C-alpha atoms as a PDB file:
ATOM      1  CA  UNK A   1     140.916 140.271  81.327  1.00  0.00           C
ATOM      2  CA  UNK A   2     137.912 142.363  80.366  1.00  0.00           C
ATOM      3  CA  UNK A   3     134.471 140.825  80.794  1.00  0.00           C
ATOM      4  CA  UNK A   4     131.788 142.341  78.618  1.00  0.00           C
ATOM      5  CA  UNK A   5     128.430 143.163  80.172  1.00  0.00           C
ATOM      6  CA  UNK A   6     126.763 141.037  77.505  1.00  0.00           C
ATOM      7  CA  UNK A   7     128.597 137.989  78.862  1.00  0.00           C
ATOM      8  CA  UNK A   8     127.581 138.618  82.472  1.00  0.00           C
ATOM      9  CA  UNK A   9     123.985 137.619  81.776  1.00  0.00           C
ATOM     10  CA  UNK A  10     125.218 134.123  80.936  1.00  0.00           C
ATOM     11  CA  UNK A  11     126.871 133.632  84.340  1.00  0.00           C
ATOM     12  CA  UNK A  12     123.719 132.115  85.932  1.00  0.00           C
ATOM     13  CA  UNK A  13     123.434 129.721  82.982  1.00  0.00           C
ATOM     14  CA  UNK A  14     127.101 128.757  83.343  1.00  0.00           C
ATOM     15  CA  UNK A  15     126.522 128.192  87.063  1.00  0.00           C
ATOM     16  CA  UNK A  16     123.549 125.939  86.284  1.00  0.00           C
ATOM     17  CA  UNK A  17     125.540 124.020  83.653  1.00  0.00           C
ATOM     18  CA  UNK A  18     128.451 123.384  86.012  1.00  0.00           C
ATOM     19  CA  UNK A  19     126.100 122.432  88.851  1.00  0.00           C
ATOM     20  CA  UNK A  20     124.227 120.017  86.590  1.00  0.00           C
ATOM     21  CA  UNK A  21     127.432 118.314  85.495  1.00  0.00           C
ATOM     22  CA  UNK A  22     128.617 118.210  89.094  1.00  0.00           C
ATOM     23  CA  UNK A  23     125.325 116.619  90.125  1.00  0.00           C
ATOM     24  CA  UNK A  24     125.769 113.637  87.803  1.00  0.00           C
ATOM     25  CA  UNK A  25     129.362 113.217  88.974  1.00  0.00           C
ATOM     26  CA  UNK A  26     128.343 113.331  92.650  1.00  0.00           C
ATOM     27  CA  UNK A  27     125.431 110.962  91.971  1.00  0.00           C
ATOM     28  CA  UNK A  28     127.787 108.463  90.359  1.00  0.00           C
ATOM     29  CA  UNK A  29     130.262 108.619  93.236  1.00  0.00           C
ATOM     30  CA  UNK A  30     127.962 109.030  96.252  1.00  0.00           C
ATOM     31  CA  UNK A  31     124.570 107.651  95.296  1.00  0.00           C
ATOM     32  CA  UNK A  32     121.862 109.019  97.593  1.00  0.00           C
ATOM     33  CA  UNK A  33     124.181 110.012 100.444  1.00  0.00           C
ATOM     34  CA  UNK A  34     123.808 113.766  99.932  1.00  0.00           C
ATOM     35  CA  UNK A  35     120.454 115.448 100.594  1.00  0.00           C
ATOM     36  CA  UNK A  36     120.777 117.801  97.644  1.00  0.00           C
ATOM     37  CA  UNK A  37     121.413 114.861  95.314  1.00  0.00           C
ATOM     38  CA  UNK A  38     118.267 113.146  96.579  1.00  0.00           C
ATOM     39  CA  UNK A  39     116.210 116.312  96.106  1.00  0.00           C
ATOM     40  CA  UNK A  40     117.408 116.811  92.529  1.00  0.00           C
ATOM     41  CA  UNK A  41     116.708 113.134  91.828  1.00  0.00           C
ATOM     42  CA  UNK A  42     113.076 113.781  92.737  1.00  0.00           C
ATOM     43  CA  UNK A  43     112.802 116.637  90.265  1.00  0.00           C
ATOM     44  CA  UNK A  44     115.223 115.387  87.619  1.00  0.00           C
ATOM     45  CA  UNK A  45     112.692 115.565  84.739  1.00  0.00           C
ATOM     46  CA  UNK A  46     112.150 119.254  85.447  1.00  0.00           C
ATOM     47  CA  UNK A  47     115.894 119.853  85.673  1.00  0.00           C
ATOM     48  CA  UNK A  48     116.105 118.273  82.221  1.00  0.00           C
ATOM     49  CA  UNK A  49     113.452 120.655  80.898  1.00  0.00           C
ATOM     50  CA  UNK A  50     115.403 123.623  82.306  1.00  0.00           C
ATOM     51  CA  UNK A  51     118.627 122.284  80.787  1.00  0.00           C
ATOM     52  CA  UNK A  52     116.912 121.952  77.411  1.00  0.00           C
ATOM     53  CA  UNK A  53     115.628 125.534  77.506  1.00  0.00           C
ATOM     54  CA  UNK A  54     119.061 126.869  78.462  1.00  0.00           C
ATOM     55  CA  UNK A  55     120.702 124.724  75.787  1.00  0.00           C
ATOM     56  CA  UNK A  56     118.372 126.078  73.110  1.00  0.00           C
ATOM     57  CA  UNK A  57     119.179 129.656  74.153  1.00  0.00           C
ATOM     58  CA  UNK A  58     122.919 128.942  74.116  1.00  0.00           C
ATOM     59  CA  UNK A  59     122.763 127.342  70.670  1.00  0.00           C
ATOM     60  CA  UNK A  60     120.775 130.241  69.229  1.00  0.00           C
ATOM     61  CA  UNK A  61     123.285 132.681  70.751  1.00  0.00           C
ATOM     62  CA  UNK A  62     126.191 130.637  69.300  1.00  0.00           C
ATOM     63  CA  UNK A  63     127.756 129.938  72.701  1.00  0.00           C
ATOM     64  CA  UNK A  64     129.660 126.805  71.738  1.00  0.00           C
ATOM     65  CA  UNK A  65     131.360 126.041  75.063  1.00  0.00           C
ATOM     66  CA  UNK A  66     128.222 126.739  77.048  1.00  0.00           C
ATOM     67  CA  UNK A  67     126.196 124.602  74.659  1.00  0.00           C
ATOM     68  CA  UNK A  68     128.615 121.734  75.190  1.00  0.00           C
ATOM     69  CA  UNK A  69     128.435 122.137  78.973  1.00  0.00           C
ATOM     70  CA  UNK A  70     124.626 122.116  78.886  1.00  0.00           C
ATOM     71  CA  UNK A  71     124.458 119.329  76.346  1.00  0.00           C
ATOM     72  CA  UNK A  72     125.900 116.749  78.745  1.00  0.00           C
ATOM     73  CA  UNK A  73     123.201 116.954  81.470  1.00  0.00           C
ATOM     74  CA  UNK A  74     120.469 117.386  78.862  1.00  0.00           C
ATOM     75  CA  UNK A  75     121.648 114.229  77.100  1.00  0.00           C
ATOM     76  CA  UNK A  76     121.872 112.355  80.409  1.00  0.00           C
ATOM     77  CA  UNK A  77     118.294 113.227  81.336  1.00  0.00           C
ATOM     78  CA  UNK A  78     117.163 112.374  77.816  1.00  0.00           C
ATOM     79  CA  UNK A  79     118.766 108.934  77.943  1.00  0.00           C
ATOM     80  CA  UNK A  80     117.094 108.267  81.311  1.00  0.00           C
ATOM     81  CA  UNK A  81     113.559 109.267  80.335  1.00  0.00           C
ATOM     82  CA  UNK A  82     113.328 108.768  76.570  1.00  0.00           C
ATOM     83  CA  UNK A  83     112.348 105.073  76.937  1.00  0.00           C
ATOM     84  CA  UNK A  84     109.198 106.107  78.816  1.00  0.00           C
ATOM     85  CA  UNK A  85     108.020 108.046  75.785  1.00  0.00           C
ATOM     86  CA  UNK A  86     108.961 105.259  73.395  1.00  0.00           C
ATOM     87  CA  UNK A  87     106.492 103.081  75.345  1.00  0.00           C
ATOM     88  CA  UNK A  88     103.579 105.237  74.205  1.00  0.00           C
ATOM     89  CA  UNK A  89     102.860 102.941  71.288  1.00  0.00           C
ATOM     90  CA  UNK A  90      99.871 100.791  72.245  1.00  0.00           C
ATOM     91  CA  UNK A  91     100.904  97.440  73.669  1.00  0.00           C
ATOM     92  CA  UNK A  92      99.265  94.150  72.884  1.00  0.00           C
ATOM     93  CA  UNK A  93      95.907  93.749  74.578  1.00  0.00           C
ATOM     94  CA  UNK A  94      96.825  90.294  75.791  1.00  0.00           C
ATOM     95  CA  UNK A  95      94.545  87.359  76.360  1.00  0.00           C
ATOM     96  CA  UNK A  96      94.171  84.485  78.762  1.00  0.00           C
ATOM     97  CA  UNK A  97      95.430  84.955  82.323  1.00  0.00           C
ATOM     98  CA  UNK A  98      95.224  88.717  82.877  1.00  0.00           C
ATOM     99  CA  UNK A  99      95.057  90.668  86.139  1.00  0.00           C
ATOM    100  CA  UNK A 100      94.283  94.378  86.481  1.00  0.00           C
ATOM    101  CA  UNK A 101      96.055  95.835  89.518  1.00  0.00           C
ATOM    102  CA  UNK A 102      95.403  99.277  90.973  1.00  0.00           C
ATOM    103  CA  UNK A 103      97.311 101.123  93.710  1.00  0.00           C
ATOM    104  CA  UNK A 104      95.674 104.136  95.347  1.00  0.00           C
ATOM    105  CA  UNK A 105      96.822 106.274  98.290  1.00  0.00           C
ATOM    106  CA  UNK A 106      93.472 107.518  99.612  1.00  0.00           C
ATOM    107  CA  UNK A 107      95.042 110.220 101.905  1.00  0.00           C
ATOM    108  CA  UNK A 108      93.790 110.287 105.469  1.00  0.00           C
ATOM    109  CA  UNK A 109      92.566 113.903 105.090  1.00  0.00           C
ATOM    110  CA  UNK A 110      90.404 113.053 102.092  1.00  0.00           C
ATOM    111  CA  UNK A 111      86.676 113.340 102.778  1.00  0.00           C
ATOM    112  CA  UNK A 112      85.523 112.488  99.255  1.00  0.00           C
ATOM    113  CA  UNK A 113      85.034 108.741  99.594  1.00  0.00           C
ATOM    114  CA  UNK A 114      82.223 108.678  97.047  1.00  0.00           C
ATOM    115  CA  UNK A 115      84.600 110.241  94.511  1.00  0.00           C
ATOM    116  CA  UNK A 116      87.241 107.626  95.368  1.00  0.00           C
ATOM    117  CA  UNK A 117      84.648 104.886  94.949  1.00  0.00           C
ATOM    118  CA  UNK A 118      83.734 106.268  91.521  1.00  0.00           C
ATOM    119  CA  UNK A 119      87.388 106.150  90.433  1.00  0.00           C
ATOM    120  CA  UNK A 120      87.787 102.577  91.664  1.00  0.00           C
ATOM    121  CA  UNK A 121      84.522 101.293  90.194  1.00  0.00           C
ATOM    122  CA  UNK A 122      85.341 102.864  86.832  1.00  0.00           C
ATOM    123  CA  UNK A 123      88.646 100.970  86.659  1.00  0.00           C
ATOM    124  CA  UNK A 124      87.095  97.803  88.154  1.00  0.00           C
ATOM    125  CA  UNK A 125      90.455  96.222  89.128  1.00  0.00           C
ATOM    126  CA  UNK A 126      90.939  92.571  90.044  1.00  0.00           C
ATOM    127  CA  UNK A 127      93.311  93.568  92.858  1.00  0.00           C
ATOM    128  CA  UNK A 128      93.215  96.936  94.618  1.00  0.00           C
ATOM    129  CA  UNK A 129      95.954  98.185  96.951  1.00  0.00           C
ATOM    130  CA  UNK A 130      94.969 101.048  99.248  1.00  0.00           C
ATOM    131  CA  UNK A 131      97.265 103.130 101.438  1.00  0.00           C
ATOM    132  CA  UNK A 132      96.626 105.747 104.120  1.00  0.00           C
ATOM    133  CA  UNK A 133      92.970 104.857 104.615  1.00  0.00           C
ATOM    134  CA  UNK A 134      91.493 105.209 108.079  1.00  0.00           C
ATOM    135  CA  UNK A 135      88.824 103.006 109.617  1.00  0.00           C
ATOM    136  CA  UNK A 136      86.147 105.679 109.120  1.00  0.00           C
ATOM    137  CA  UNK A 137      87.147 106.207 105.503  1.00  0.00           C
ATOM    138  CA  UNK A 138      87.146 102.461 104.883  1.00  0.00           C
ATOM    139  CA  UNK A 139      83.658 102.131 106.357  1.00  0.00           C
ATOM    140  CA  UNK A 140      82.287 104.769 103.983  1.00  0.00           C
ATOM    141  CA  UNK A 141      84.180 103.481 100.963  1.00  0.00           C
ATOM    142  CA  UNK A 142      83.259  99.860 101.593  1.00  0.00           C
ATOM    143  CA  UNK A 143      79.571 100.799 101.664  1.00  0.00           C
ATOM    144  CA  UNK A 144      79.918 101.463  97.944  1.00  0.00           C
ATOM    145  CA  UNK A 145      82.460  98.808  97.045  1.00  0.00           C
ATOM    146  CA  UNK A 146      80.832  95.952  98.959  1.00  0.00           C
ATOM    147  CA  UNK A 147      78.079  95.940  96.349  1.00  0.00           C
ATOM    148  CA  UNK A 148      80.647  94.261  94.106  1.00  0.00           C
ATOM    149  CA  UNK A 149      81.771  90.693  94.677  1.00  0.00           C
ATOM    150  CA  UNK A 150      85.014  91.794  96.317  1.00  0.00           C
ATOM    151  CA  UNK A 151      86.887  90.640  99.418  1.00  0.00           C
ATOM    152  CA  UNK A 152      88.439  93.113 101.867  1.00  0.00           C
ATOM    153  CA  UNK A 153      91.472  92.902 104.162  1.00  0.00           C
ATOM    154  CA  UNK A 154      92.073  96.134 106.090  1.00  0.00           C
ATOM    155  CA  UNK A 155      94.152  97.085 109.122  1.00  0.00           C
ATOM    156  CA  UNK A 156      93.394 100.294 111.035  1.00  0.00           C
ATOM    157  CA  UNK A 157      96.880 100.533 112.592  1.00  0.00           C
ATOM    158  CA  UNK A 158      98.852 100.490 109.334  1.00  0.00           C
ATOM    159  CA  UNK A 159      95.989 102.082 107.334  1.00  0.00           C
ATOM    160  CA  UNK A 160      96.656  99.527 104.613  1.00  0.00           C
ATOM    161  CA  UNK A 161      94.050  97.538 102.697  1.00  0.00           C
ATOM    162  CA  UNK A 162      93.822  95.017  99.891  1.00  0.00           C
ATOM    163  CA  UNK A 163      90.547  94.492  98.053  1.00  0.00           C
ATOM    164  CA  UNK A 164      90.352  91.521  95.719  1.00  0.00           C
ATOM    165  CA  UNK A 165      87.912  90.000  93.295  1.00  0.00           C
ATOM    166  CA  UNK A 166      89.228  86.645  94.464  1.00  0.00           C
ATOM    167  CA  UNK A 167      89.528  85.050  97.928  1.00  0.00           C
ATOM    168  CA  UNK A 168      92.309  86.336 100.177  1.00  0.00           C
ATOM    169  CA  UNK A 169      93.801  83.221 101.722  1.00  0.00           C
ATOM    170  CA  UNK A 170      96.182  84.807 104.194  1.00  0.00           C
ATOM    171  CA  UNK A 171      96.946  88.421 105.119  1.00  0.00           C
ATOM    172  CA  UNK A 172      99.609  89.853 107.427  1.00  0.00           C
ATOM    173  CA  UNK A 173     100.413  93.428 108.447  1.00  0.00           C
ATOM    174  CA  UNK A 174     103.818  94.788 109.500  1.00  0.00           C
ATOM    175  CA  UNK A 175     103.688  98.345 110.823  1.00  0.00           C
ATOM    176  CA  UNK A 176     107.425  98.444 111.483  1.00  0.00           C
ATOM    177  CA  UNK A 177     108.321  97.256 107.971  1.00  0.00           C
ATOM    178  CA  UNK A 178     107.332 100.257 105.848  1.00  0.00           C
ATOM    179  CA  UNK A 179     103.691  99.724 106.810  1.00  0.00           C
ATOM    180  CA  UNK A 180     103.580  96.649 104.615  1.00  0.00           C
ATOM    181  CA  UNK A 181     100.720  94.255 104.065  1.00  0.00           C
ATOM    182  CA  UNK A 182     101.329  90.801 102.645  1.00  0.00           C
ATOM    183  CA  UNK A 183      98.508  88.633 101.329  1.00  0.00           C
ATOM    184  CA  UNK A 184      98.081  85.515  99.228  1.00  0.00           C
ATOM    185  CA  UNK A 185      95.211  85.857  96.761  1.00  0.00           C
ATOM    186  CA  UNK A 186      93.675  82.695  95.338  1.00  0.00           C
ATOM    187  CA  UNK A 187      93.092  83.634  91.708  1.00  0.00           C
ATOM    188  CA  UNK A 188      91.661  81.221  89.101  1.00  0.00           C
ATOM    189  CA  UNK A 189      95.208  81.058  87.730  1.00  0.00           C
ATOM    190  CA  UNK A 190      96.702  79.988  91.051  1.00  0.00           C
ATOM    191  CA  UNK A 191      97.901  81.793  94.194  1.00  0.00           C
ATOM    192  CA  UNK A 192      99.459  85.243  93.798  1.00  0.00           C
ATOM    193  CA  UNK A 193     101.463  86.882  96.578  1.00  0.00           C
ATOM    194  CA  UNK A 194     100.616  90.587  96.900  1.00  0.00           C
ATOM    195  CA  UNK A 195     102.615  93.055  99.014  1.00  0.00           C
ATOM    196  CA  UNK A 196     101.165  96.504  99.675  1.00  0.00           C
ATOM    197  CA  UNK A 197     103.573  99.099 101.124  1.00  0.00           C
ATOM    198  CA  UNK A 198     103.515 102.670 102.344  1.00  0.00           C
ATOM    199  CA  UNK A 199     107.097 103.783 103.010  1.00  0.00           C
ATOM    200  CA  UNK A 200     106.184 106.478 105.475  1.00  0.00           C
ATOM    201  CA  UNK A 201     108.261 108.676 107.788  1.00  0.00           C
ATOM    202  CA  UNK A 202     111.759 107.690 108.977  1.00  0.00           C
ATOM    203  CA  UNK A 203     114.864 108.871 107.124  1.00  0.00           C
ATOM    204  CA  UNK A 204     115.628 107.650 103.627  1.00  0.00           C
ATOM    205  CA  UNK A 205     118.297 105.250 104.902  1.00  0.00           C
ATOM    206  CA  UNK A 206     115.848 103.587 107.296  1.00  0.00           C
ATOM    207  CA  UNK A 207     113.202 103.304 104.583  1.00  0.00           C
ATOM    208  CA  UNK A 208     115.840 101.854 102.285  1.00  0.00           C
ATOM    209  CA  UNK A 209     116.875  99.313 104.926  1.00  0.00           C
ATOM    210  CA  UNK A 210     113.281  98.296 105.573  1.00  0.00           C
ATOM    211  CA  UNK A 211     112.668  97.877 101.857  1.00  0.00           C
ATOM    212  CA  UNK A 212     115.744  95.664 101.700  1.00  0.00           C
ATOM    213  CA  UNK A 213     114.195  93.611 104.510  1.00  0.00           C
ATOM    214  CA  UNK A 214     110.960  93.243 102.537  1.00  0.00           C
ATOM    215  CA  UNK A 215     112.903  92.109  99.493  1.00  0.00           C
ATOM    216  CA  UNK A 216     114.943  89.579 101.482  1.00  0.00           C
ATOM    217  CA  UNK A 217     112.108  88.191 103.605  1.00  0.00           C
ATOM    218  CA  UNK A 218     109.001  88.551 101.450  1.00  0.00           C
ATOM    219  CA  UNK A 219     110.015  88.875  97.796  1.00  0.00           C
ATOM    220  CA  UNK A 220     113.078  86.787  97.010  1.00  0.00           C
ATOM    221  CA  UNK A 221     111.719  83.859  99.021  1.00  0.00           C
ATOM    222  CA  UNK A 222     108.559  83.607  96.872  1.00  0.00           C
ATOM    223  CA  UNK A 223     108.729  81.140  93.986  1.00  0.00           C
ATOM    224  CA  UNK A 224     105.328  81.898  92.470  1.00  0.00           C
ATOM    225  CA  UNK A 225     103.722  85.034  90.999  1.00  0.00           C
ATOM    226  CA  UNK A 226     104.267  88.171  93.083  1.00  0.00           C
ATOM    227  CA  UNK A 227     103.103  91.780  92.941  1.00  0.00           C
ATOM    228  CA  UNK A 228     104.619  94.596  95.006  1.00  0.00           C
ATOM    229  CA  UNK A 229     102.839  97.936  94.935  1.00  0.00           C
ATOM    230  CA  UNK A 230     101.959 101.036  96.895  1.00  0.00           C
ATOM    231  CA  UNK A 231     103.241 104.455  97.887  1.00  0.00           C
ATOM    232  CA  UNK A 232     107.032 104.110  98.079  1.00  0.00           C
ATOM    233  CA  UNK A 233     107.717 107.835  98.618  1.00  0.00           C
ATOM    234  CA  UNK A 234     110.670 107.463  96.265  1.00  0.00           C
ATOM    235  CA  UNK A 235     111.155 108.119  92.568  1.00  0.00           C
ATOM    236  CA  UNK A 236     112.638 105.970  89.836  1.00  0.00           C
ATOM    237  CA  UNK A 237     116.024 107.682  90.295  1.00  0.00           C
ATOM    238  CA  UNK A 238     116.628 106.618  93.897  1.00  0.00           C
ATOM    239  CA  UNK A 239     118.887 103.864  95.175  1.00  0.00           C
ATOM    240  CA  UNK A 240     115.828 102.227  96.725  1.00  0.00           C
ATOM    241  CA  UNK A 241     114.056 102.053  93.376  1.00  0.00           C
ATOM    242  CA  UNK A 242     117.133 100.656  91.655  1.00  0.00           C
ATOM    243  CA  UNK A 243     117.480  98.050  94.421  1.00  0.00           C
ATOM    244  CA  UNK A 244     113.897  96.876  93.832  1.00  0.00           C
ATOM    245  CA  UNK A 245     114.460  96.819  90.073  1.00  0.00           C
ATOM    246  CA  UNK A 246     117.240  94.279  90.548  1.00  0.00           C
ATOM    247  CA  UNK A 247     114.568  91.800  91.622  1.00  0.00           C
ATOM    248  CA  UNK A 248     111.332  93.010  90.036  1.00  0.00           C
ATOM    249  CA  UNK A 249     109.974  94.769  86.944  1.00  0.00           C
ATOM    250  CA  UNK A 250     108.319  98.161  87.256  1.00  0.00           C
ATOM    251  CA  UNK A 251     105.057  98.119  85.288  1.00  0.00           C
ATOM    252  CA  UNK A 252     105.217 101.791  84.259  1.00  0.00           C
ATOM    253  CA  UNK A 253     108.806 101.493  83.035  1.00  0.00           C
ATOM    254  CA  UNK A 254     107.867  98.432  80.993  1.00  0.00           C
ATOM    255  CA  UNK A 255     104.482  99.463  79.613  1.00  0.00           C
ATOM    256  CA  UNK A 256     103.649 103.014  80.696  1.00  0.00           C
ATOM    257  CA  UNK A 257     103.760 106.231  78.703  1.00  0.00           C
ATOM    258  CA  UNK A 258     105.492 109.434  79.733  1.00  0.00           C
ATOM    259  CA  UNK A 259     106.582 110.563  83.169  1.00  0.00           C
ATOM    260  CA  UNK A 260     103.466 109.260  84.915  1.00  0.00           C
ATOM    261  CA  UNK A 261     103.660 111.760  87.775  1.00  0.00           C
ATOM    262  CA  UNK A 262     101.493 110.728  90.745  1.00  0.00           C
ATOM    263  CA  UNK A 263     102.107 113.398  93.397  1.00  0.00           C
ATOM    264  CA  UNK A 264     100.873 115.903  94.357  1.00  0.00           C
ATOM    265  CA  UNK A 265      97.458 116.560  92.839  1.00  0.00           C
ATOM    266  CA  UNK A 266      95.454 119.765  92.712  1.00  0.00           C
ATOM    267  CA  UNK A 267      93.873 118.627  95.993  1.00  0.00           C
ATOM    268  CA  UNK A 268      97.082 119.928  97.545  1.00  0.00           C
ATOM    269  CA  UNK A 269      97.388 123.705  97.837  1.00  0.00           C
ATOM    270  CA  UNK A 270     100.331 125.996  98.422  1.00  0.00           C
ATOM    271  CA  UNK A 271     100.135 129.331 100.203  1.00  0.00           C
ATOM    272  CA  UNK A 272     102.344 131.759 102.139  1.00  0.00           C
ATOM    273  CA  UNK A 273     100.469 131.602 105.432  1.00  0.00           C
ATOM    274  CA  UNK A 274     103.009 133.755 107.285  1.00  0.00           C
ATOM    275  CA  UNK A 275     102.436 136.618 104.886  1.00  0.00           C
ATOM    276  CA  UNK A 276      98.751 136.880 105.631  1.00  0.00           C
ATOM    277  CA  UNK A 277      95.503 135.701 104.053  1.00  0.00           C
ATOM    278  CA  UNK A 278      96.834 135.135 100.553  1.00  0.00           C
ATOM    279  CA  UNK A 279      94.999 132.880  98.074  1.00  0.00           C
ATOM    280  CA  UNK A 280      95.926 129.218  97.870  1.00  0.00           C
ATOM    281  CA  UNK A 281      97.373 127.826  94.672  1.00  0.00           C
ATOM    282  CA  UNK A 282      96.912 124.254  93.471  1.00  0.00           C
ATOM    283  CA  UNK A 283     100.097 122.252  92.937  1.00  0.00           C
ATOM    284  CA  UNK A 284     100.285 120.099  89.778  1.00  0.00           C
ATOM    285  CA  UNK A 285     101.779 116.583  89.799  1.00  0.00           C
ATOM    286  CA  UNK A 286     105.569 116.841  89.824  1.00  0.00           C
ATOM    287  CA  UNK A 287     106.980 113.421  90.774  1.00  0.00           C
ATOM    288  CA  UNK A 288     106.198 109.691  90.476  1.00  0.00           C
ATOM    289  CA  UNK A 289     106.342 107.957  93.845  1.00  0.00           C
ATOM    290  CA  UNK A 290     103.527 105.398  93.493  1.00  0.00           C
ATOM    291  CA  UNK A 291     104.579 102.179  91.789  1.00  0.00           C
ATOM    292  CA  UNK A 292     103.506  98.672  90.828  1.00  0.00           C
ATOM    293  CA  UNK A 293     106.220  96.016  90.506  1.00  0.00           C
ATOM    294  CA  UNK A 294     105.982  92.347  89.599  1.00  0.00           C
ATOM    295  CA  UNK A 295     108.274  89.346  89.273  1.00  0.00           C
ATOM    296  CA  UNK A 296     109.098  87.321  86.162  1.00  0.00           C
ATOM    297  CA  UNK A 297     105.878  85.301  86.330  1.00  0.00           C
ATOM    298  CA  UNK A 298     104.065  88.368  84.935  1.00  0.00           C
ATOM    299  CA  UNK A 299     104.387  90.501  81.823  1.00  0.00           C
ATOM    300  CA  UNK A 300     103.438  94.190  81.853  1.00  0.00           C
ATOM    301  CA  UNK A 301     100.826  94.742  79.153  1.00  0.00           C
ATOM    302  CA  UNK A 302      99.678  98.260  79.988  1.00  0.00           C
ATOM    303  CA  UNK A 303     100.348 100.767  82.755  1.00  0.00           C
ATOM    304  CA  UNK A 304      99.049 104.264  83.348  1.00  0.00           C
ATOM    305  CA  UNK A 305      98.528 106.996  85.913  1.00  0.00           C
ATOM    306  CA  UNK A 306      94.928 108.140  86.302  1.00  0.00           C
ATOM    307  CA  UNK A 307      94.076 111.824  86.076  1.00  0.00           C
ATOM    308  CA  UNK A 308      91.178 111.623  88.547  1.00  0.00           C
ATOM    309  CA  UNK A 309      92.429 111.371  92.131  1.00  0.00           C
ATOM    310  CA  UNK A 310      89.028 111.339  93.811  1.00  0.00           C
ATOM    311  CA  UNK A 311      90.131 114.102  96.178  1.00  0.00           C
ATOM    312  CA  UNK A 312      93.360 112.382  97.214  1.00  0.00           C
ATOM    313  CA  UNK A 313      96.744 114.057  97.027  1.00  0.00           C
ATOM    314  CA  UNK A 314      97.997 111.053  95.016  1.00  0.00           C
ATOM    315  CA  UNK A 315      96.941 109.928  91.573  1.00  0.00           C
ATOM    316  CA  UNK A 316      96.140 106.200  91.374  1.00  0.00           C
ATOM    317  CA  UNK A 317      98.244 103.917  89.182  1.00  0.00           C
ATOM    318  CA  UNK A 318      96.905 100.948  87.214  1.00  0.00           C
ATOM    319  CA  UNK A 319      98.743  98.050  85.582  1.00  0.00           C
ATOM    320  CA  UNK A 320      97.392  95.269  83.387  1.00  0.00           C
ATOM    321  CA  UNK A 321      99.540  92.184  83.889  1.00  0.00           C
ATOM    322  CA  UNK A 322      99.657  88.973  81.902  1.00  0.00           C
ATOM    323  CA  UNK A 323     100.330  85.835  83.926  1.00  0.00           C
END
């Protein structure tokens, strides 16, 4: 069998096509068990973009078999993410019992608390969930925010905080349980249970187990309105995300537009330090790991990812919920 040199240039594309098809097969059979499956899950939208570019080249070059091989993963990614772009039509504004919820990982290395305060005050949420905020950062931030009629519940050990326009009746912190904070907020529409999480460190299986514990102990047991938000360090393609979705609605999936990437921001820089004093390059947002969920007592009216991060390495997410 003679292989023409012109065909050799397509070998990398064939390798990508076979790997992409193998990925979806492995994902179906193994879930998140393999590290490489979990990594690709994080960057699946970008894999879809690469598959689309390769597919276009194969179609133009009249490579029928290669086009078919690339078409499968491209179609799979399209089916997964197309609904997010169909949501871009403006949703109903809603009226009556409405809550604006904001989740914001401040980042413990962030020194721009005034910029964070500007972002928060501009959105003016009813309920604000903060993650990775130290005592010193909270002191500076609260100097600005305390001018509003807000109530604060913050814990220095977990670096979690909830700020509310309404009284916080009870607040508990669980460092061992994905750094979770659970509070009952007494809104004019009745009590709302709010859980603020930062799934930090540990392996993915331990984080998954702890999230299962939160669902069993703190979510399923609640009869009334409930909001679960924070930095989950997991994307919408993980087993953990799908487990949560069996109990709760994700606001961005229901009412957001586009991919809604939240991490990293241009506050994060990439450089080859071992190669010498090379310039640092900002890293654009690549994945969505910050989420707001709610139970059936709420309806997602609008959801979006903010462009201004206030110096944090995470973009804040905001959801308008109808109760």
